[in-house]
């Protein structure tokens, strides 16, 4: 099997190295193509207005060979799958992100949208996130990622489905969850540059969430790793009948 690893924190991020080390234990071929720089919260950005480059790089250990893409996470995956790599890829794994990607976070997350790009191209994908800074703190997420990857390679995934894994550092088990609801506390800070022109900084406290049982937010709040299946069909199917009145012509 051939695994493609990527992330949104950049090719030198410790979470990517932790993921590579853990998945290497499965004995499969691994190729790393990741953004050259930190691309957190860029969402499903695709670069169409300028050329992209892929250059040789190393992971955070300074030894493990990788490729650094000048674009966004989705660019790295698209380039890898659509011609840069000659060998067929069986699974895309994105992470390990240094913060959770829960609930609505996935609309912002470069980690999750990199996995989405894999699914769009037709390759099964897994996004992995935790709450960590030092390399050692990624170990629980790396271990659970290895467990889930082994299951995917054994059993496969339905077409169009990607998995979103969030692992607290004290994870006691793994539960299958649905998407929860985040509560954001963003504030806009207005300042002036030396020429007196205003500029804006998005700040505020860390997001919280509604810990409703069965959701990803609930799971990590209760010390469980959360595995959420995501579908790229964003249609609000429950609203189709109600909205039919909008189409009726008097």
Protein backbone atom coordinates (compact mmCIF):
# COMPACT_ATOMS: atom_id res chain seq x y z
CA UNK A 1 0.00 0.00 0.00
CA UNK A 2 1.08 3.58 -0.66
CA UNK A 3 0.21 6.35 1.82
CA UNK A 4 0.37 10.07 1.08
CA UNK A 5 0.93 12.23 4.18
CA UNK A 6 0.29 15.95 4.31
CA UNK A 7 -0.77 18.63 6.82
CA UNK A 8 -1.49 22.34 7.14
CA UNK A 9 1.10 23.23 9.81
CA UNK A 10 3.96 22.91 7.32
CA UNK A 11 6.43 20.22 6.36
CA UNK A 12 8.65 20.85 9.42
CA UNK A 13 5.81 20.60 11.98
CA UNK A 14 6.28 18.04 14.77
CA UNK A 15 2.84 16.52 14.26
CA UNK A 16 3.73 15.43 10.72
CA UNK A 17 6.90 13.74 11.95
CA UNK A 18 4.96 11.96 14.71
CA UNK A 19 2.43 10.74 12.15
CA UNK A 20 5.16 9.50 9.79
CA UNK A 21 6.93 7.62 12.57
CA UNK A 22 3.75 5.93 13.77
CA UNK A 23 2.46 4.94 10.32
CA UNK A 24 5.91 3.67 9.33
CA UNK A 25 5.34 0.82 11.78
CA UNK A 26 2.65 -0.55 9.44
CA UNK A 27 5.32 -1.31 6.83
CA UNK A 28 3.72 0.46 3.87
CA UNK A 29 5.29 2.90 1.41
CA UNK A 30 4.90 6.51 2.60
CA UNK A 31 5.37 9.72 0.65
CA UNK A 32 5.12 13.14 2.30
CA UNK A 33 3.99 16.18 0.29
CA UNK A 34 3.12 19.09 2.59
CA UNK A 35 3.04 22.89 2.50
CA UNK A 36 6.43 24.55 2.79
CA UNK A 37 5.03 26.94 5.42
CA UNK A 38 2.29 27.02 8.03
CA UNK A 39 -1.07 27.16 6.25
CA UNK A 40 -3.44 26.80 9.20
CA UNK A 41 -7.06 27.87 8.72
CA UNK A 42 -6.77 28.43 4.97
CA UNK A 43 -9.78 26.21 4.31
CA UNK A 44 -10.16 24.52 0.94
CA UNK A 45 -7.99 27.01 -0.87
CA UNK A 46 -6.81 26.10 -4.36
CA UNK A 47 -4.10 28.16 -6.06
CA UNK A 48 -5.10 29.11 -9.61
CA UNK A 49 -3.51 32.55 -10.07
CA UNK A 50 0.20 31.68 -9.86
CA UNK A 51 2.60 28.77 -10.45
CA UNK A 52 3.25 26.17 -7.77
CA UNK A 53 6.53 24.50 -6.91
CA UNK A 54 7.44 21.29 -5.14
CA UNK A 55 10.95 21.10 -3.68
CA UNK A 56 12.88 18.46 -1.69
CA UNK A 57 12.63 18.91 2.09
CA UNK A 58 13.01 17.04 5.35
CA UNK A 59 10.69 16.54 8.28
CA UNK A 60 11.34 18.03 11.72
CA UNK A 61 14.06 15.46 12.45
CA UNK A 62 16.17 16.93 9.65
CA UNK A 63 16.60 13.45 8.13
CA UNK A 64 13.33 12.01 6.85
CA UNK A 65 12.85 12.91 3.20
CA UNK A 66 9.75 14.82 2.14
CA UNK A 67 8.47 17.23 -0.49
CA UNK A 68 7.50 20.83 0.25
CA UNK A 69 4.75 22.48 -1.81
CA UNK A 70 4.63 26.25 -2.21
CA UNK A 71 0.83 26.25 -2.09
CA UNK A 72 -1.96 25.34 0.32
CA UNK A 73 -2.69 21.89 1.79
CA UNK A 74 -5.26 21.09 -0.91
CA UNK A 75 -2.70 22.12 -3.54
CA UNK A 76 -0.16 19.68 -2.11
CA UNK A 77 -2.64 16.81 -2.33
CA UNK A 78 -3.92 17.74 -5.78
CA UNK A 79 -0.43 18.04 -7.24
CA UNK A 80 0.69 14.79 -5.64
CA UNK A 81 -2.30 12.79 -6.88
CA UNK A 82 -2.68 14.38 -10.31
CA UNK A 83 0.80 13.79 -11.67
CA UNK A 84 3.69 14.60 -9.34
CA UNK A 85 3.66 11.07 -7.91
CA UNK A 86 3.88 8.33 -10.48
CA UNK A 87 2.83 5.54 -8.12
CA UNK A 88 -0.83 5.02 -7.23
CA UNK A 89 -1.82 6.34 -3.77
CA UNK A 90 -4.16 4.18 -1.68
CA UNK A 91 -4.82 6.55 1.24
CA UNK A 92 -4.31 10.23 2.08
CA UNK A 93 -3.62 11.03 5.74
CA UNK A 94 -3.56 14.68 6.82
CA UNK A 95 -2.13 15.82 10.16
CA UNK A 96 -1.39 15.63 12.93
CA UNK A 97 -2.82 19.11 13.46
CA UNK A 98 -1.74 20.96 16.60
CA UNK A 99 -5.32 21.89 17.54
CA UNK A 100 -8.62 20.04 17.42
CA UNK A 101 -10.75 20.28 14.29
CA UNK A 102 -14.26 19.82 15.65
CA UNK A 103 -17.72 20.76 14.42
CA UNK A 104 -17.63 23.86 12.19
CA UNK A 105 -13.81 24.00 12.46
CA UNK A 106 -13.63 21.76 9.42
CA UNK A 107 -14.84 24.59 7.17
CA UNK A 108 -11.71 26.54 8.13
CA UNK A 109 -9.28 23.68 8.52
CA UNK A 110 -6.50 23.11 6.02
CA UNK A 111 -5.98 19.71 7.66
CA UNK A 112 -9.52 18.53 6.93
CA UNK A 113 -9.78 20.14 3.51
CA UNK A 114 -6.52 18.50 2.42
CA UNK A 115 -8.23 15.19 3.19
CA UNK A 116 -11.30 16.41 1.28
CA UNK A 117 -9.11 17.03 -1.76
CA UNK A 118 -8.03 13.41 -1.64
CA UNK A 119 -11.63 12.24 -1.64
CA UNK A 120 -12.51 14.60 -4.50
CA UNK A 121 -9.71 13.03 -6.55
CA UNK A 122 -11.04 9.58 -5.63
CA UNK A 123 -8.66 8.47 -2.87
CA UNK A 124 -9.87 7.57 0.67
CA UNK A 125 -8.69 10.04 3.29
CA UNK A 126 -8.27 10.60 7.02
CA UNK A 127 -7.68 13.89 8.88
CA UNK A 128 -6.01 13.72 12.31
CA UNK A 129 -5.95 16.44 14.98
CA UNK A 130 -5.06 16.78 18.65
CA UNK A 131 -4.16 19.44 21.18
CA UNK A 132 -0.37 19.39 21.39
CA UNK A 133 2.77 21.45 21.00
CA UNK A 134 5.81 19.29 21.86
CA UNK A 135 6.59 16.19 19.78
CA UNK A 136 5.94 13.80 22.66
CA UNK A 137 2.41 15.16 23.11
CA UNK A 138 1.42 13.86 19.66
CA UNK A 139 1.98 10.23 20.66
CA UNK A 140 -1.67 9.36 21.57
CA UNK A 141 -3.00 10.84 18.33
CA UNK A 142 -0.28 9.11 16.31
CA UNK A 143 -1.16 5.78 17.90
CA UNK A 144 -4.88 6.12 17.23
CA UNK A 145 -4.15 7.28 13.68
CA UNK A 146 -2.17 4.09 13.10
CA UNK A 147 -5.09 2.05 14.45
CA UNK A 148 -7.61 3.76 12.14
CA UNK A 149 -5.33 3.62 9.09
CA UNK A 150 -4.88 -0.13 9.58
CA UNK A 151 -8.67 -0.57 9.67
CA UNK A 152 -9.14 1.55 6.53
CA UNK A 153 -6.55 -0.44 4.62
CA UNK A 154 -8.16 -3.70 5.76
CA UNK A 155 -11.79 -2.78 5.11
CA UNK A 156 -11.79 0.22 2.80
CA UNK A 157 -14.14 3.22 2.91
CA UNK A 158 -17.27 4.01 0.90
CA UNK A 159 -16.65 6.31 -2.06
CA UNK A 160 -16.94 9.99 -1.19
CA UNK A 161 -16.43 9.49 2.55
CA UNK A 162 -13.60 10.88 4.64
CA UNK A 163 -12.86 10.39 8.32
CA UNK A 164 -12.07 13.14 10.83
CA UNK A 165 -10.13 11.92 13.88
CA UNK A 166 -9.67 14.12 16.98
CA UNK A 167 -7.63 12.72 19.85
CA UNK A 168 -7.24 14.26 23.33
CA UNK A 169 -3.95 13.55 25.06
CA UNK A 170 -5.76 11.53 27.73
CA UNK A 171 -7.79 9.47 25.26
CA UNK A 172 -9.15 6.31 26.89
CA UNK A 173 -10.88 4.89 23.82
CA UNK A 174 -12.34 5.64 20.41
CA UNK A 175 -15.98 6.48 19.69
CA UNK A 176 -17.81 7.09 16.41
CA UNK A 177 -19.41 10.52 16.52
CA UNK A 178 -21.41 13.04 14.55
CA UNK A 179 -20.44 16.65 13.95
CA UNK A 180 -21.10 18.87 16.96
CA UNK A 181 -21.39 22.61 17.36
CA UNK A 182 -18.57 25.02 18.10
CA UNK A 183 -19.04 28.35 19.85
CA UNK A 184 -16.53 30.96 18.68
CA UNK A 185 -15.39 33.96 20.70
CA UNK A 186 -13.68 35.98 17.98
CA UNK A 187 -13.15 39.70 18.45
CA UNK A 188 -11.72 42.20 16.00
CA UNK A 189 -8.84 44.27 17.37
CA UNK A 190 -8.33 47.57 15.53
CA UNK A 191 -4.89 49.21 15.59
CA UNK A 192 -2.99 51.81 13.60
CA UNK A 193 0.20 51.35 11.64
CA UNK A 194 3.02 53.98 11.85
CA UNK A 195 1.35 55.96 9.05
CA UNK A 196 -1.93 56.20 10.93
CA UNK A 197 -3.82 53.71 8.77
CA UNK A 198 -6.02 51.18 10.59
CA UNK A 199 -5.34 47.46 10.45
CA UNK A 200 -7.31 44.60 11.94
CA UNK A 201 -6.37 41.54 13.94
CA UNK A 202 -8.76 38.67 14.61
CA UNK A 203 -8.33 37.62 18.22
CA UNK A 204 -10.39 36.36 21.13
CA UNK A 205 -10.51 33.38 23.43
CA UNK A 206 -10.21 29.78 22.28
CA UNK A 207 -13.47 28.36 20.86
CA UNK A 208 -15.64 26.24 23.11
CA UNK A 209 -18.51 23.96 22.15
CA UNK A 210 -21.75 22.32 23.15
CA UNK A 211 -20.88 18.95 24.68
CA UNK A 212 -23.96 17.12 23.38
CA UNK A 213 -23.62 13.36 23.80
CA UNK A 214 -22.70 11.60 20.60
CA UNK A 215 -20.87 14.54 19.05
CA UNK A 216 -17.18 15.09 18.42
CA UNK A 217 -17.13 17.94 20.95
CA UNK A 218 -18.66 15.68 23.61
CA UNK A 219 -16.15 12.91 22.94
CA UNK A 220 -12.97 14.94 23.37
CA UNK A 221 -14.48 16.71 26.39
CA UNK A 222 -14.91 13.28 28.00
CA UNK A 223 -11.44 11.99 27.18
CA UNK A 224 -12.38 9.91 24.14
CA UNK A 225 -10.92 9.96 20.66
CA UNK A 226 -13.59 11.02 18.17
CA UNK A 227 -13.92 9.53 14.68
CA UNK A 228 -16.47 11.38 12.54
CA UNK A 229 -17.46 10.27 9.04
CA UNK A 230 -17.84 13.26 6.70
CA UNK A 231 -19.68 13.41 3.39
CA UNK A 232 -18.88 15.99 0.74
CA UNK A 233 -22.61 16.35 -0.01
CA UNK A 234 -23.45 19.55 1.91
CA UNK A 235 -27.11 19.53 0.91
CA UNK A 236 -29.52 20.17 3.79
CA UNK A 237 -31.80 17.32 2.72
CA UNK A 238 -34.28 17.96 5.55
CA UNK A 239 -35.02 21.41 4.08
CA UNK A 240 -35.78 20.35 0.49
CA UNK A 241 -39.53 19.89 1.01
CA UNK A 242 -39.94 23.10 2.99
CA UNK A 243 -38.05 25.13 0.40
CA UNK A 244 -40.19 23.83 -2.46
CA UNK A 245 -42.54 26.74 -1.78
CA UNK A 246 -39.77 29.08 -2.93
CA UNK A 247 -39.98 27.53 -6.39
CA UNK A 248 -43.75 27.63 -6.72
CA UNK A 249 -44.98 30.24 -9.15
CA UNK A 250 -48.32 31.87 -8.32
